[in-house]
């Protein structure tokens, strides 16, 4: 499984043969400049966990659909409704290979309206919970929100230690400076290492490959 992060909570996940499937999670406003659509050769699925602009950029979605008109879009009902007004088909039902699970958005009121949100288990391998620390299960690879106005790094860290994924990928950290991110990644890596969990300090646009043997 090849995984590439684009700034914030946006992940491109590519599975090689025999699966041959590619999904893009949460292409939001922070990710637009880093995500070069021209370099994407294939896209089967697009997942939007909720309607907040750091996870959902309608103009970017339009560009993706223009290049990949057959892409399957999975999103909460309010995103599905908004996209339908733009002539774009999406669904709040899980397609084959995905399981939607209860992953409520943490409280952001009165700063932002409280959105509908979906969490997604992808190919029984990777879990993307959106903006939540209130979910109860994970697959081997967990995309863990680690920062933000609603988030506590310590709460996220302790949740992941409790759920015991094999790998943790840090997401939702646009709010940190580069220096803070480097420092926090080092601290998180040390904490997870003590628990036998591998922390992957993702860098924008630099893919990693995870398999049963580890990271290649």
N, C-alpha and C. Protein backbone atom coordinates (compact mmCIF):
# COMPACT_ATOMS: atom_id res chain seq x y z
N UNK A 1 0.85 -1.18 0.00
CA UNK A 1 0.00 0.00 0.00
C UNK A 1 0.89 1.24 0.00
N UNK A 2 0.79 2.05 -1.06
CA UNK A 2 1.55 3.29 -1.16
C UNK A 2 0.67 4.44 -0.71
N UNK A 3 1.19 5.25 0.20
CA UNK A 3 0.42 6.34 0.80
C UNK A 3 1.19 7.63 0.65
N UNK A 4 0.50 8.66 0.14
CA UNK A 4 1.11 9.98 -0.01
C UNK A 4 0.21 11.00 0.65
N UNK A 5 0.80 11.80 1.52
CA UNK A 5 0.05 12.87 2.20
C UNK A 5 0.23 14.18 1.45
N UNK A 6 -0.86 14.95 1.39
CA UNK A 6 -0.81 16.27 0.79
C UNK A 6 -1.25 17.31 1.82
N UNK A 7 -0.30 17.72 2.61
CA UNK A 7 -0.38 18.79 3.60
C UNK A 7 -1.16 18.42 4.85
N UNK A 8 -2.46 18.26 4.80
CA UNK A 8 -3.27 18.30 6.03
C UNK A 8 -3.87 16.92 6.35
N UNK A 9 -5.08 16.68 5.89
CA UNK A 9 -5.72 15.39 6.13
C UNK A 9 -5.94 14.63 4.84
N UNK A 10 -5.35 15.10 3.76
CA UNK A 10 -5.53 14.51 2.44
C UNK A 10 -4.50 13.40 2.22
N UNK A 11 -5.00 12.20 1.95
CA UNK A 11 -4.14 11.04 1.70
C UNK A 11 -4.51 10.40 0.37
N UNK A 12 -3.51 10.14 -0.44
CA UNK A 12 -3.66 9.33 -1.65
C UNK A 12 -3.16 7.93 -1.31
N UNK A 13 -4.04 6.94 -1.48
CA UNK A 13 -3.72 5.56 -1.11
C UNK A 13 -3.83 4.70 -2.36
N UNK A 14 -2.71 4.10 -2.74
CA UNK A 14 -2.64 3.31 -3.96
C UNK A 14 -2.30 1.86 -3.63
N UNK A 15 -3.13 0.96 -4.12
CA UNK A 15 -2.88 -0.47 -3.95
C UNK A 15 -2.46 -1.07 -5.29
N UNK A 16 -1.34 -1.79 -5.32
CA UNK A 16 -0.85 -2.35 -6.58
C UNK A 16 -1.64 -3.59 -6.98
N UNK A 17 -1.24 -4.20 -8.08
CA UNK A 17 -1.83 -5.46 -8.53
C UNK A 17 -1.64 -6.51 -7.43
N UNK A 18 -2.59 -7.41 -7.25
CA UNK A 18 -3.78 -7.61 -8.09
C UNK A 18 -4.97 -6.72 -7.72
N UNK A 19 -4.84 -5.89 -6.68
CA UNK A 19 -5.97 -5.05 -6.28
C UNK A 19 -6.20 -3.92 -7.27
N UNK A 20 -5.13 -3.18 -7.60
CA UNK A 20 -5.20 -2.08 -8.58
C UNK A 20 -6.33 -1.10 -8.25
N UNK A 21 -6.20 -0.46 -7.10
CA UNK A 21 -7.25 0.46 -6.67
C UNK A 21 -6.61 1.68 -5.99
N UNK A 22 -7.14 2.86 -6.31
CA UNK A 22 -6.60 4.11 -5.79
C UNK A 22 -7.73 4.95 -5.21
N UNK A 23 -7.50 5.50 -4.01
CA UNK A 23 -8.48 6.35 -3.35
C UNK A 23 -7.79 7.63 -2.88
N UNK A 24 -8.53 8.73 -2.91
CA UNK A 24 -8.06 9.99 -2.37
C UNK A 24 -9.01 10.41 -1.26
N UNK A 25 -8.45 10.65 -0.07
CA UNK A 25 -9.22 11.08 1.08
C UNK A 25 -9.10 12.59 1.29
N UNK A 26 -10.20 13.25 1.50
CA UNK A 26 -10.29 14.62 2.01
C UNK A 26 -9.40 15.65 1.31
N UNK A 27 -9.60 15.86 0.01
CA UNK A 27 -8.87 16.93 -0.68
C UNK A 27 -9.48 18.29 -0.35
N UNK A 28 -8.91 18.95 0.65
CA UNK A 28 -9.45 20.22 1.11
C UNK A 28 -8.61 21.41 0.68
N UNK A 29 -8.94 22.57 1.21
CA UNK A 29 -8.32 23.82 0.79
C UNK A 29 -6.82 23.83 1.06
N UNK A 30 -6.39 23.28 2.19
CA UNK A 30 -4.96 23.30 2.51
C UNK A 30 -4.15 22.44 1.56
N UNK A 31 -4.79 21.48 0.92
CA UNK A 31 -4.09 20.51 0.08
C UNK A 31 -4.05 20.90 -1.38
N UNK A 32 -4.82 21.91 -1.78
CA UNK A 32 -5.01 22.21 -3.20
C UNK A 32 -3.69 22.51 -3.91
N UNK A 33 -2.84 23.33 -3.30
CA UNK A 33 -1.60 23.73 -3.96
C UNK A 33 -0.63 22.57 -4.09
N UNK A 34 -0.67 21.64 -3.15
CA UNK A 34 0.29 20.54 -3.14
C UNK A 34 -0.14 19.37 -4.02
N UNK A 35 -1.43 19.27 -4.31
CA UNK A 35 -1.97 18.14 -5.06
C UNK A 35 -2.02 18.49 -6.54
N UNK A 36 -1.09 17.97 -7.30
CA UNK A 36 -1.03 18.20 -8.75
C UNK A 36 -1.86 17.13 -9.46
N UNK A 37 -3.06 17.50 -9.86
CA UNK A 37 -3.96 16.53 -10.48
C UNK A 37 -3.37 15.94 -11.75
N UNK A 38 -2.57 16.73 -12.45
CA UNK A 38 -1.99 16.25 -13.71
C UNK A 38 -1.12 15.02 -13.51
N UNK A 39 -0.58 14.84 -12.31
CA UNK A 39 0.30 13.70 -12.05
C UNK A 39 -0.47 12.45 -11.64
N UNK A 40 -1.77 12.58 -11.39
CA UNK A 40 -2.57 11.42 -11.01
C UNK A 40 -2.94 10.64 -12.26
N UNK A 41 -2.53 9.38 -12.29
CA UNK A 41 -2.81 8.56 -13.47
C UNK A 41 -4.11 7.80 -13.35
N UNK A 42 -4.58 7.61 -12.11
CA UNK A 42 -5.73 6.73 -11.90
C UNK A 42 -6.41 7.12 -10.59
N UNK A 43 -7.73 7.08 -10.55
CA UNK A 43 -8.47 7.35 -9.32
C UNK A 43 -9.80 6.62 -9.37
N UNK A 44 -9.96 5.66 -8.47
CA UNK A 44 -11.20 4.89 -8.40
C UNK A 44 -12.21 5.50 -7.44
N UNK A 45 -11.70 5.99 -6.30
CA UNK A 45 -12.58 6.44 -5.22
C UNK A 45 -12.11 7.78 -4.67
N UNK A 46 -13.09 8.55 -4.26
CA UNK A 46 -12.85 9.82 -3.59
C UNK A 46 -13.71 9.81 -2.33
N UNK A 47 -13.06 9.99 -1.18
CA UNK A 47 -13.77 9.97 0.10
C UNK A 47 -13.68 11.34 0.75
N UNK A 48 -14.82 11.87 1.15
CA UNK A 48 -14.89 13.13 1.86
C UNK A 48 -15.53 12.84 3.22
N UNK A 49 -14.79 13.03 4.30
CA UNK A 49 -15.32 12.65 5.61
C UNK A 49 -16.34 13.64 6.13
N UNK A 50 -16.20 14.94 5.76
CA UNK A 50 -17.17 15.94 6.20
C UNK A 50 -17.00 17.22 5.41
N UNK A 51 -17.89 18.16 5.64
CA UNK A 51 -18.06 19.30 4.75
C UNK A 51 -17.12 20.47 5.05
N UNK A 52 -16.38 20.45 6.11
CA UNK A 52 -15.50 21.57 6.43
C UNK A 52 -14.46 21.78 5.33
N UNK A 53 -14.12 23.03 5.02
CA UNK A 53 -13.29 23.31 3.84
C UNK A 53 -11.88 22.75 3.89
N UNK A 54 -11.35 22.45 5.07
CA UNK A 54 -10.02 21.84 5.11
C UNK A 54 -10.05 20.37 4.70
N UNK A 55 -11.26 19.82 4.49
CA UNK A 55 -11.42 18.44 4.04
C UNK A 55 -12.17 18.34 2.70
N UNK A 56 -12.82 19.42 2.34
CA UNK A 56 -13.72 19.37 1.17
C UNK A 56 -13.64 20.70 0.43
N UNK A 57 -13.03 20.66 -0.75
CA UNK A 57 -12.91 21.83 -1.60
C UNK A 57 -13.70 21.57 -2.88
N UNK A 58 -14.90 22.14 -3.03
CA UNK A 58 -15.73 21.84 -4.20
C UNK A 58 -15.04 22.07 -5.53
N UNK A 59 -14.26 23.13 -5.64
CA UNK A 59 -13.59 23.41 -6.91
C UNK A 59 -12.55 22.33 -7.23
N UNK A 60 -11.86 21.86 -6.22
CA UNK A 60 -10.90 20.78 -6.43
C UNK A 60 -11.62 19.49 -6.80
N UNK A 61 -12.78 19.25 -6.17
CA UNK A 61 -13.57 18.06 -6.52
C UNK A 61 -13.99 18.12 -7.99
N UNK A 62 -14.41 19.29 -8.45
CA UNK A 62 -14.82 19.43 -9.85
C UNK A 62 -13.68 19.08 -10.79
N UNK A 63 -12.48 19.53 -10.46
CA UNK A 63 -11.32 19.24 -11.30
C UNK A 63 -11.02 17.74 -11.32
N UNK A 64 -11.15 17.10 -10.17
CA UNK A 64 -10.91 15.65 -10.09
C UNK A 64 -11.94 14.89 -10.90
N UNK A 65 -13.20 15.29 -10.79
CA UNK A 65 -14.28 14.61 -11.53
C UNK A 65 -14.12 14.85 -13.02
N UNK A 66 -13.65 16.03 -13.41
CA UNK A 66 -13.44 16.32 -14.83
C UNK A 66 -12.39 15.37 -15.42
N UNK A 67 -11.34 15.09 -14.66
CA UNK A 67 -10.31 14.19 -15.16
C UNK A 67 -10.70 12.73 -15.02
N UNK A 68 -11.43 12.41 -13.94
CA UNK A 68 -11.82 11.02 -13.67
C UNK A 68 -13.34 10.95 -13.54
N UNK A 69 -14.07 11.00 -14.65
CA UNK A 69 -15.54 11.09 -14.59
C UNK A 69 -16.21 9.85 -14.00
N UNK A 70 -15.51 8.73 -13.93
CA UNK A 70 -16.09 7.50 -13.37
C UNK A 70 -15.76 7.32 -11.90
N UNK A 71 -15.11 8.28 -11.28
CA UNK A 71 -14.70 8.12 -9.89
C UNK A 71 -15.93 7.97 -8.99
N UNK A 72 -15.84 7.06 -8.01
CA UNK A 72 -16.89 6.88 -7.01
C UNK A 72 -16.63 7.84 -5.86
N UNK A 73 -17.63 8.62 -5.48
CA UNK A 73 -17.48 9.57 -4.40
C UNK A 73 -18.34 9.12 -3.22
N UNK A 74 -17.70 8.99 -2.07
CA UNK A 74 -18.39 8.58 -0.85
C UNK A 74 -18.27 9.72 0.16
N UNK A 75 -19.40 10.12 0.74
CA UNK A 75 -19.41 11.29 1.60
C UNK A 75 -20.66 11.27 2.48
N UNK A 76 -20.70 12.11 3.52
CA UNK A 76 -21.93 12.24 4.31
C UNK A 76 -23.05 12.86 3.47
N UNK A 77 -24.28 12.72 3.96
CA UNK A 77 -25.45 13.15 3.18
C UNK A 77 -25.40 14.63 2.83
N UNK A 78 -24.93 15.49 3.73
CA UNK A 78 -24.94 16.92 3.42
C UNK A 78 -23.93 17.26 2.32
N UNK A 79 -22.85 16.51 2.23
CA UNK A 79 -21.91 16.71 1.12
C UNK A 79 -22.50 16.16 -0.17
N UNK A 80 -23.14 15.00 -0.08
CA UNK A 80 -23.79 14.41 -1.25
C UNK A 80 -24.80 15.39 -1.84
N UNK A 81 -25.58 16.04 -0.97
CA UNK A 81 -26.60 16.99 -1.42
C UNK A 81 -25.95 18.21 -2.08
N UNK A 82 -24.89 18.72 -1.48
CA UNK A 82 -24.23 19.89 -2.06
C UNK A 82 -23.61 19.56 -3.41
N UNK A 83 -22.99 18.40 -3.52
CA UNK A 83 -22.41 18.00 -4.80
C UNK A 83 -23.48 17.80 -5.86
N UNK A 84 -24.63 17.28 -5.47
CA UNK A 84 -25.71 17.06 -6.45
C UNK A 84 -26.16 18.38 -7.06
N UNK A 85 -26.09 19.46 -6.30
CA UNK A 85 -26.45 20.77 -6.82
C UNK A 85 -25.45 21.27 -7.85
N UNK A 86 -24.25 20.67 -7.83
CA UNK A 86 -23.22 20.99 -8.82
C UNK A 86 -23.21 19.99 -9.97
N UNK A 87 -24.19 19.07 -9.96
CA UNK A 87 -24.27 18.06 -11.01
C UNK A 87 -23.29 16.91 -10.84
N UNK A 88 -22.82 16.71 -9.61
CA UNK A 88 -21.85 15.66 -9.34
C UNK A 88 -22.51 14.59 -8.48
N UNK A 89 -22.39 13.34 -8.89
CA UNK A 89 -23.00 12.23 -8.18
C UNK A 89 -22.08 11.71 -7.08
N UNK A 90 -22.63 11.58 -5.88
CA UNK A 90 -21.92 11.00 -4.75
C UNK A 90 -22.90 10.14 -3.97
N UNK A 91 -22.40 9.39 -3.00
CA UNK A 91 -23.25 8.49 -2.23
C UNK A 91 -22.80 8.47 -0.77
N UNK A 92 -23.78 8.32 0.13
CA UNK A 92 -23.45 8.14 1.54
C UNK A 92 -23.48 6.67 1.93
N UNK A 93 -23.54 5.78 0.93
CA UNK A 93 -23.46 4.34 1.15
C UNK A 93 -22.05 3.86 0.82
N UNK A 94 -21.56 2.91 1.58
CA UNK A 94 -20.19 2.46 1.37
C UNK A 94 -20.08 1.55 0.16
N UNK A 95 -19.12 1.82 -0.72
CA UNK A 95 -18.89 0.93 -1.86
C UNK A 95 -18.13 -0.33 -1.42
N UNK A 96 -18.02 -1.26 -2.31
CA UNK A 96 -17.26 -2.47 -2.01
C UNK A 96 -15.83 -2.09 -1.63
N UNK A 97 -15.35 -2.73 -0.57
CA UNK A 97 -13.98 -2.47 -0.13
C UNK A 97 -13.87 -1.40 0.93
N UNK A 98 -14.98 -0.76 1.26
CA UNK A 98 -14.98 0.24 2.34
C UNK A 98 -16.07 -0.09 3.35
N UNK A 99 -15.79 0.21 4.60
CA UNK A 99 -16.79 0.11 5.67
C UNK A 99 -16.87 1.46 6.35
N UNK A 100 -18.07 2.02 6.39
CA UNK A 100 -18.27 3.28 7.12
C UNK A 100 -18.56 2.96 8.58
N UNK A 101 -18.02 3.78 9.48
CA UNK A 101 -18.23 3.53 10.90
C UNK A 101 -18.51 4.83 11.63
N UNK A 102 -19.03 4.70 12.84
CA UNK A 102 -19.40 5.87 13.63
C UNK A 102 -18.14 6.59 14.11
N UNK A 103 -17.97 7.81 13.63
CA UNK A 103 -16.80 8.61 13.96
C UNK A 103 -17.22 10.07 14.04
N UNK A 104 -17.88 10.45 15.13
CA UNK A 104 -18.44 11.80 15.21
C UNK A 104 -17.37 12.88 15.25
N UNK A 105 -17.65 13.96 14.55
CA UNK A 105 -16.74 15.11 14.59
C UNK A 105 -16.71 15.67 16.01
N UNK A 106 -15.52 16.02 16.48
CA UNK A 106 -15.41 16.62 17.80
C UNK A 106 -16.04 18.02 17.79
N UNK A 107 -16.38 18.51 18.96
CA UNK A 107 -17.09 19.77 19.07
C UNK A 107 -16.24 20.95 18.59
N UNK A 108 -16.79 21.72 17.66
CA UNK A 108 -16.09 22.91 17.15
C UNK A 108 -16.95 24.16 17.28
N UNK A 109 -18.10 24.04 17.90
CA UNK A 109 -18.95 25.21 18.10
C UNK A 109 -18.44 26.03 19.28
N UNK A 110 -18.49 27.36 19.22
CA UNK A 110 -19.16 28.18 18.20
C UNK A 110 -18.26 28.64 17.06
N UNK A 111 -17.05 28.07 16.95
CA UNK A 111 -16.17 28.50 15.85
C UNK A 111 -16.71 28.09 14.49
N UNK A 112 -17.20 26.84 14.40
CA UNK A 112 -17.67 26.29 13.13
C UNK A 112 -18.95 25.50 13.38
N UNK A 113 -19.81 25.37 12.36
CA UNK A 113 -21.00 24.53 12.52
C UNK A 113 -20.60 23.06 12.65
N UNK A 114 -21.39 22.33 13.42
CA UNK A 114 -21.10 20.92 13.64
C UNK A 114 -21.56 20.10 12.43
N UNK A 115 -20.65 19.36 11.78
CA UNK A 115 -21.02 18.67 10.54
C UNK A 115 -21.38 17.20 10.75
N UNK A 116 -22.09 16.65 9.79
CA UNK A 116 -22.15 15.19 9.67
C UNK A 116 -20.76 14.69 9.29
N UNK A 117 -20.41 13.50 9.74
CA UNK A 117 -19.08 12.97 9.42
C UNK A 117 -19.13 11.45 9.30
N UNK A 118 -18.30 10.92 8.41
CA UNK A 118 -18.13 9.47 8.30
C UNK A 118 -16.68 9.12 8.61
N UNK A 119 -16.51 7.97 9.24
CA UNK A 119 -15.20 7.35 9.34
C UNK A 119 -15.17 6.19 8.35
N UNK A 120 -13.99 5.88 7.83
CA UNK A 120 -13.88 4.86 6.79
C UNK A 120 -12.77 3.88 7.10
N UNK A 121 -13.11 2.59 7.06
CA UNK A 121 -12.11 1.53 7.01
C UNK A 121 -11.95 1.15 5.54
N UNK A 122 -10.73 1.24 5.02
CA UNK A 122 -10.49 1.02 3.61
C UNK A 122 -9.74 -0.30 3.40
N UNK A 123 -10.36 -1.19 2.61
CA UNK A 123 -9.79 -2.50 2.27
C UNK A 123 -9.35 -3.27 3.51
N UNK A 124 -10.08 -3.05 4.61
CA UNK A 124 -9.79 -3.74 5.87
C UNK A 124 -8.35 -3.53 6.33
N UNK A 125 -7.75 -2.43 5.89
CA UNK A 125 -6.33 -2.20 6.16
C UNK A 125 -6.06 -0.84 6.76
N UNK A 126 -6.73 0.22 6.25
CA UNK A 126 -6.45 1.59 6.69
C UNK A 126 -7.72 2.24 7.21
N UNK A 127 -7.57 2.96 8.32
CA UNK A 127 -8.69 3.67 8.93
C UNK A 127 -8.45 5.17 8.86
N UNK A 128 -9.45 5.90 8.31
CA UNK A 128 -9.43 7.37 8.31
C UNK A 128 -10.67 7.83 9.07
N UNK A 129 -10.51 8.44 10.26
CA UNK A 129 -11.66 8.79 11.09
C UNK A 129 -12.18 10.20 10.91
N UNK A 130 -11.64 10.96 9.92
CA UNK A 130 -12.02 12.36 9.85
C UNK A 130 -11.50 13.10 11.07
N UNK A 131 -12.29 14.05 11.57
CA UNK A 131 -11.88 14.87 12.73
C UNK A 131 -12.49 14.29 14.00
N UNK A 132 -11.98 13.15 14.41
CA UNK A 132 -12.55 12.49 15.58
C UNK A 132 -11.49 11.80 16.41
N UNK A 133 -11.68 11.88 17.72
CA UNK A 133 -10.97 11.05 18.68
C UNK A 133 -11.98 10.22 19.48
N UNK A 134 -13.17 10.03 18.89
CA UNK A 134 -14.26 9.35 19.59
C UNK A 134 -14.70 8.08 18.88
N UNK A 135 -13.78 7.43 18.20
CA UNK A 135 -14.09 6.16 17.54
C UNK A 135 -13.48 5.03 18.35
N UNK A 136 -13.92 3.81 18.08
CA UNK A 136 -13.60 2.70 18.98
C UNK A 136 -12.85 1.54 18.34
N UNK A 137 -12.52 1.67 17.05
CA UNK A 137 -11.80 0.57 16.41
C UNK A 137 -10.94 1.11 15.28
N UNK A 138 -9.89 0.37 14.96
CA UNK A 138 -9.03 0.75 13.86
C UNK A 138 -8.49 -0.50 13.17
N UNK A 139 -8.12 -0.34 11.92
CA UNK A 139 -7.40 -1.38 11.20
C UNK A 139 -5.90 -1.22 11.45
N UNK A 140 -5.08 -1.99 10.74
CA UNK A 140 -3.64 -2.00 11.02
C UNK A 140 -2.99 -0.63 10.84
N UNK A 141 -3.50 0.16 9.89
CA UNK A 141 -2.93 1.48 9.62
C UNK A 141 -3.97 2.53 10.02
N UNK A 142 -3.58 3.41 10.92
CA UNK A 142 -4.49 4.45 11.41
C UNK A 142 -4.00 5.83 11.01
N UNK A 143 -4.82 6.57 10.28
CA UNK A 143 -4.56 7.99 10.01
C UNK A 143 -5.10 8.75 11.21
N UNK A 144 -4.20 9.27 12.03
CA UNK A 144 -4.59 9.84 13.32
C UNK A 144 -4.51 11.36 13.31
N UNK A 145 -5.63 12.06 13.55
CA UNK A 145 -5.57 13.51 13.71
C UNK A 145 -4.75 13.87 14.95
N UNK A 146 -3.80 14.79 14.78
CA UNK A 146 -2.89 15.09 15.89
C UNK A 146 -2.92 16.56 16.32
N UNK A 147 -3.62 17.44 15.60
CA UNK A 147 -3.63 18.85 15.96
C UNK A 147 -4.89 19.51 15.42
N UNK A 148 -5.10 20.76 15.81
CA UNK A 148 -6.24 21.50 15.32
C UNK A 148 -6.99 22.19 16.44
N UNK A 149 -7.96 23.05 16.11
CA UNK A 149 -8.69 23.77 17.15
C UNK A 149 -9.53 22.89 18.05
N UNK A 150 -9.91 21.73 17.57
CA UNK A 150 -10.74 20.82 18.37
C UNK A 150 -9.92 19.69 18.99
N UNK A 151 -8.68 19.53 18.57
CA UNK A 151 -7.93 18.31 18.84
C UNK A 151 -6.97 18.46 20.01
N UNK A 152 -6.77 17.38 20.72
CA UNK A 152 -5.71 17.27 21.72
C UNK A 152 -4.73 16.20 21.26
N UNK A 153 -3.48 16.58 21.12
CA UNK A 153 -2.46 15.62 20.71
C UNK A 153 -2.39 14.47 21.70
N UNK A 154 -2.49 14.76 22.98
CA UNK A 154 -2.40 13.73 24.01
C UNK A 154 -3.59 12.78 23.95
N UNK A 155 -4.79 13.33 23.72
CA UNK A 155 -5.97 12.46 23.60
C UNK A 155 -5.81 11.53 22.40
N UNK A 156 -5.35 12.07 21.28
CA UNK A 156 -5.14 11.23 20.10
C UNK A 156 -4.08 10.17 20.33
N UNK A 157 -3.00 10.56 20.96
CA UNK A 157 -1.93 9.61 21.27
C UNK A 157 -2.44 8.47 22.14
N UNK A 158 -3.15 8.80 23.20
CA UNK A 158 -3.64 7.76 24.11
C UNK A 158 -4.71 6.89 23.47
N UNK A 159 -5.51 7.49 22.58
CA UNK A 159 -6.51 6.68 21.85
C UNK A 159 -5.81 5.65 20.98
N UNK A 160 -4.80 6.08 20.24
CA UNK A 160 -4.08 5.15 19.37
C UNK A 160 -3.39 4.05 20.18
N UNK A 161 -2.82 4.41 21.31
CA UNK A 161 -2.18 3.40 22.17
C UNK A 161 -3.22 2.38 22.63
N UNK A 162 -4.42 2.84 22.94
CA UNK A 162 -5.50 1.95 23.37
C UNK A 162 -5.96 1.03 22.24
N UNK A 163 -6.07 1.58 21.02
CA UNK A 163 -6.61 0.80 19.90
C UNK A 163 -5.58 -0.11 19.24
N UNK A 164 -4.30 0.20 19.41
CA UNK A 164 -3.21 -0.67 18.97
C UNK A 164 -3.15 -0.96 17.47
N UNK A 165 -3.13 0.05 16.61
CA UNK A 165 -2.83 -0.22 15.20
C UNK A 165 -1.37 -0.62 15.07
N UNK A 166 -1.00 -1.17 13.94
CA UNK A 166 0.41 -1.47 13.70
C UNK A 166 1.18 -0.21 13.31
N UNK A 167 0.51 0.67 12.57
CA UNK A 167 1.13 1.89 12.08
C UNK A 167 0.22 3.08 12.37
N UNK A 168 0.83 4.22 12.66
CA UNK A 168 0.10 5.48 12.81
C UNK A 168 0.64 6.49 11.82
N UNK A 169 -0.27 7.11 11.07
CA UNK A 169 0.06 8.16 10.12
C UNK A 169 -0.49 9.48 10.67
N UNK A 170 0.32 10.50 10.90
CA UNK A 170 -0.19 11.76 11.43
C UNK A 170 -0.90 12.58 10.35
N UNK A 171 -2.12 12.99 10.65
CA UNK A 171 -2.86 13.88 9.76
C UNK A 171 -3.41 15.05 10.58
N UNK A 172 -3.99 16.02 9.88
CA UNK A 172 -4.63 17.18 10.50
C UNK A 172 -3.62 17.98 11.33
N UNK A 173 -2.51 18.33 10.69
CA UNK A 173 -1.45 19.06 11.42
C UNK A 173 -0.97 20.29 10.66
N UNK A 174 -1.80 20.82 9.77
CA UNK A 174 -1.48 22.07 9.08
C UNK A 174 -1.23 23.20 10.07
N UNK A 175 -1.83 23.12 11.23
CA UNK A 175 -1.76 24.19 12.23
C UNK A 175 -0.38 24.32 12.85
N UNK A 176 0.46 23.32 12.73
CA UNK A 176 1.80 23.38 13.30
C UNK A 176 2.78 24.04 12.33
N UNK A 177 3.73 24.79 12.85
CA UNK A 177 4.85 25.25 12.04
C UNK A 177 5.72 24.04 11.68
N UNK A 178 6.57 24.20 10.70
CA UNK A 178 7.46 23.10 10.32
C UNK A 178 8.33 22.67 11.49
N UNK A 179 8.82 23.64 12.27
CA UNK A 179 9.67 23.32 13.41
C UNK A 179 8.89 22.57 14.48
N UNK A 180 7.67 23.02 14.75
CA UNK A 180 6.84 22.33 15.73
C UNK A 180 6.49 20.92 15.27
N UNK A 181 6.19 20.78 13.98
CA UNK A 181 5.83 19.47 13.44
C UNK A 181 7.00 18.49 13.59
N UNK A 182 8.18 18.93 13.26
CA UNK A 182 9.35 18.06 13.37
C UNK A 182 9.56 17.63 14.82
N UNK A 183 9.42 18.57 15.75
CA UNK A 183 9.59 18.24 17.16
C UNK A 183 8.52 17.28 17.65
N UNK A 184 7.25 17.55 17.29
CA UNK A 184 6.16 16.71 17.75
C UNK A 184 6.22 15.32 17.12
N UNK A 185 6.62 15.23 15.87
CA UNK A 185 6.75 13.92 15.24
C UNK A 185 7.80 13.08 15.99
N UNK A 186 8.88 13.72 16.39
CA UNK A 186 9.91 12.99 17.12
C UNK A 186 9.37 12.48 18.45
N UNK A 187 8.63 13.33 19.16
CA UNK A 187 8.06 12.93 20.45
C UNK A 187 7.01 11.83 20.28
N UNK A 188 6.16 11.98 19.28
CA UNK A 188 5.15 10.96 19.03
C UNK A 188 5.79 9.64 18.64
N UNK A 189 6.83 9.69 17.82
CA UNK A 189 7.53 8.47 17.43
C UNK A 189 8.10 7.75 18.63
N UNK A 190 8.67 8.49 19.55
CA UNK A 190 9.24 7.87 20.75
C UNK A 190 8.15 7.24 21.62
N UNK A 191 7.02 7.94 21.76
CA UNK A 191 5.93 7.42 22.59
C UNK A 191 5.33 6.16 21.98
N UNK A 192 5.11 6.17 20.68
CA UNK A 192 4.53 4.99 20.03
C UNK A 192 5.51 3.82 20.01
N UNK A 193 6.78 4.10 19.86
CA UNK A 193 7.78 3.04 19.83
C UNK A 193 7.75 2.23 21.13
N UNK A 194 7.52 2.91 22.24
CA UNK A 194 7.45 2.22 23.53
C UNK A 194 6.27 1.26 23.59
N UNK A 195 5.27 1.49 22.75
CA UNK A 195 4.06 0.65 22.73
C UNK A 195 4.08 -0.37 21.60
N UNK A 196 5.19 -0.45 20.88
CA UNK A 196 5.29 -1.39 19.76
C UNK A 196 4.51 -0.97 18.54
N UNK A 197 4.23 0.35 18.40
CA UNK A 197 3.50 0.89 17.27
C UNK A 197 4.46 1.71 16.43
N UNK A 198 4.42 1.52 15.12
CA UNK A 198 5.32 2.25 14.22
C UNK A 198 4.68 3.56 13.80
N UNK A 199 5.35 4.66 14.09
CA UNK A 199 4.88 5.99 13.71
C UNK A 199 5.56 6.40 12.42
N UNK A 200 4.76 6.84 11.44
CA UNK A 200 5.28 7.21 10.14
C UNK A 200 5.21 8.73 9.97
N UNK A 201 6.32 9.45 10.07
CA UNK A 201 6.31 10.91 9.96
C UNK A 201 6.20 11.36 8.51
N UNK A 202 4.97 11.38 8.00
CA UNK A 202 4.74 11.68 6.59
C UNK A 202 5.16 13.10 6.23
N UNK A 203 5.72 13.24 5.03
CA UNK A 203 6.05 14.53 4.47
C UNK A 203 5.26 14.72 3.17
N UNK A 204 4.75 15.92 2.98
CA UNK A 204 3.90 16.20 1.83
C UNK A 204 4.57 15.81 0.51
N UNK A 205 3.85 15.01 -0.27
CA UNK A 205 4.31 14.63 -1.60
C UNK A 205 5.35 13.53 -1.63
N UNK A 206 5.73 13.00 -0.45
CA UNK A 206 6.75 11.94 -0.40
C UNK A 206 6.08 10.63 0.01
N UNK A 207 5.84 9.72 -0.94
CA UNK A 207 5.10 8.50 -0.63
C UNK A 207 5.88 7.54 0.25
N UNK A 208 5.14 6.78 1.03
CA UNK A 208 5.71 5.64 1.74
C UNK A 208 4.98 4.40 1.25
N UNK A 209 5.59 3.24 1.43
CA UNK A 209 4.97 1.97 1.09
C UNK A 209 4.99 1.09 2.34
N UNK A 210 3.82 0.60 2.71
CA UNK A 210 3.70 -0.26 3.87
C UNK A 210 3.23 -1.64 3.41
N UNK A 211 3.93 -2.66 3.87
CA UNK A 211 3.46 -4.02 3.64
C UNK A 211 3.66 -4.83 4.90
N UNK A 212 3.46 -6.12 4.84
CA UNK A 212 3.54 -6.94 6.05
C UNK A 212 4.96 -7.05 6.58
N UNK A 213 5.92 -6.70 5.76
CA UNK A 213 7.32 -6.72 6.18
C UNK A 213 7.76 -5.41 6.81
N UNK A 214 6.90 -4.37 6.70
CA UNK A 214 7.27 -3.08 7.24
C UNK A 214 7.22 -2.01 6.17
N UNK A 215 8.07 -1.04 6.28
CA UNK A 215 8.09 0.07 5.35
C UNK A 215 9.21 -0.11 4.36
N UNK A 216 8.91 0.00 3.06
CA UNK A 216 9.89 -0.18 2.00
C UNK A 216 10.32 1.18 1.48
